[in-house]
Amino acid sequence: TDLYKELIAEKAMARPGVLELMDQALADPMIKVGVCSASTKEAVTKVLDVTLGEERRNKLDVCILGDDVAKLKPDPLIYTTAAERINIDPSRCVVVEDSIVGLKAAKGAG
């Protein structure tokens, strides 16, 4: 909704350290960077543009959203799908999560 987008534009910000970590990872050609969110594309795109900036969002190697998978977190499908798309074994991935449900999904992916 418009109210949601307005609130995001005014209030959303990245958690401490996330942008620095992401910038370091994006600068290293050996590291793949992605976002996995159970939210819809419409909602996530606005949040990512506000918190990360459109330039960082466009540099992501993978972005898997709730619309892209049949099962949502805590099911690991969102993470296994992301790993598959960037051709990396899930056991070699590092996940930064902000919820217990997401952490369960990440651990379940390997």
Protein backbone atom coordinates (compact mmCIF):
# COMPACT_ATOMS: atom_id res chain seq x y z
CA THR A 1 0.00 0.00 0.00
CA ASP A 2 1.01 3.62 -0.31
CA LEU A 3 1.08 4.05 3.48
CA TYR A 4 3.48 1.10 3.81
CA LYS A 5 5.79 2.54 1.16
CA GLU A 6 5.69 5.93 2.84
CA LEU A 7 6.59 4.41 6.23
CA ILE A 8 9.44 2.44 4.68
CA ALA A 9 10.82 5.53 2.97
CA GLU A 10 10.77 7.43 6.28
CA LYS A 11 11.79 4.78 8.81
CA ALA A 12 13.62 1.83 7.23
CA MET A 13 17.35 1.51 7.76
CA ALA A 14 19.88 -1.26 7.54
CA ARG A 15 20.98 -2.94 10.76
CA PRO A 16 24.37 -1.83 12.08
CA GLY A 17 27.29 -3.31 10.15
CA VAL A 18 25.23 -4.76 7.31
CA LEU A 19 26.14 -2.17 4.67
CA GLU A 20 29.84 -2.36 5.49
CA LEU A 21 29.78 -6.17 5.34
CA MET A 22 27.83 -6.09 2.09
CA ASP A 23 30.18 -3.55 0.49
CA GLN A 24 33.21 -5.67 1.37
CA ALA A 25 31.55 -8.78 -0.04
CA LEU A 26 30.39 -7.01 -3.21
CA ALA A 27 33.93 -5.73 -3.80
CA ASP A 28 35.35 -9.27 -3.76
CA PRO A 29 34.78 -11.08 -7.08
CA MET A 30 35.14 -14.44 -5.29
CA ILE A 31 32.08 -13.80 -3.09
CA LYS A 32 28.47 -14.05 -4.24
CA VAL A 33 25.94 -11.84 -2.46
CA GLY A 34 22.20 -12.27 -2.29
CA VAL A 35 19.01 -11.55 -0.41
CA CYS A 36 16.40 -14.12 0.61
CA SER A 37 13.18 -12.69 1.96
CA ALA A 38 9.81 -14.32 2.53
CA SER A 39 8.12 -11.01 1.67
CA THR A 40 6.70 -10.25 -1.76
CA LYS A 41 8.73 -8.66 -4.55
CA GLU A 42 6.76 -5.43 -4.35
CA ALA A 43 7.40 -5.04 -0.62
CA VAL A 44 11.04 -6.13 -0.66
CA THR A 45 12.12 -4.00 -3.61
CA LYS A 46 11.10 -0.80 -1.81
CA VAL A 47 12.73 -1.89 1.46
CA LEU A 48 15.97 -2.86 -0.29
CA ASP A 49 16.12 0.36 -2.29
CA VAL A 50 15.70 2.38 0.90
CA THR A 51 17.99 0.35 3.17
CA LEU A 52 20.68 -0.80 0.74
CA GLY A 53 20.26 1.67 -2.10
CA GLU A 54 19.33 0.78 -5.65
CA GLU A 55 22.99 0.52 -6.70
CA ARG A 56 23.77 -2.20 -4.12
CA ARG A 57 20.51 -4.01 -4.88
CA ASN A 58 21.41 -4.13 -8.56
CA LYS A 59 24.77 -5.73 -7.73
CA LEU A 60 23.19 -8.72 -5.96
CA ASP A 61 24.04 -12.07 -7.52
CA VAL A 62 20.72 -13.53 -6.40
CA CYS A 63 17.50 -12.28 -4.85
CA ILE A 64 14.93 -14.93 -3.89
CA LEU A 65 11.62 -13.67 -2.56
CA GLY A 66 8.46 -15.16 -1.15
CA ASP A 67 6.87 -15.11 -4.61
CA ASP A 68 9.71 -17.29 -5.95
CA VAL A 69 9.31 -20.33 -3.69
CA ALA A 70 6.46 -22.68 -2.76
CA LYS A 71 7.40 -22.83 0.94
CA LEU A 72 8.45 -19.98 3.19
CA LYS A 73 10.81 -19.81 6.14
CA PRO A 74 11.39 -21.76 8.38
CA ASP A 75 11.46 -24.18 5.44
CA PRO A 76 14.99 -24.03 3.95
CA LEU A 77 13.74 -23.89 0.34
CA ILE A 78 14.45 -20.17 -0.07
CA TYR A 79 18.11 -20.69 0.86
CA THR A 80 18.63 -23.88 -1.09
CA THR A 81 17.08 -22.16 -4.13
CA ALA A 82 19.45 -19.20 -3.77
CA ALA A 83 22.48 -21.49 -3.42
CA GLU A 84 21.38 -23.45 -6.47
CA ARG A 85 20.97 -20.27 -8.56
CA ILE A 86 24.50 -19.13 -7.79
CA ASN A 87 25.86 -22.65 -8.08
CA ILE A 88 27.23 -22.91 -4.53
CA ASP A 89 26.80 -25.78 -2.10
CA PRO A 90 24.57 -24.53 0.76
CA SER A 91 27.13 -25.75 3.30
CA ARG A 92 29.56 -23.13 1.92
CA CYS A 93 27.12 -20.24 2.35
CA VAL A 94 27.10 -17.66 5.13
CA VAL A 95 23.71 -16.26 6.12
CA VAL A 96 23.04 -13.06 8.02
CA GLU A 97 19.56 -13.32 9.53
CA ASP A 98 17.37 -11.13 11.70
CA SER A 99 14.84 -13.69 12.93
CA ILE A 100 14.69 -17.10 14.58
CA VAL A 101 12.47 -18.38 11.76
CA GLY A 102 15.07 -17.30 9.21
CA LEU A 103 17.88 -18.81 11.23
CA LYS A 104 16.04 -22.15 11.30
CA ALA A 105 15.66 -21.96 7.51
CA ALA A 106 19.36 -21.18 7.05
CA LYS A 107 20.47 -24.02 9.33
CA GLY A 108 18.07 -26.39 7.57
CA ALA A 109 19.60 -25.52 4.21
CA GLY A 110 22.98 -26.80 5.36
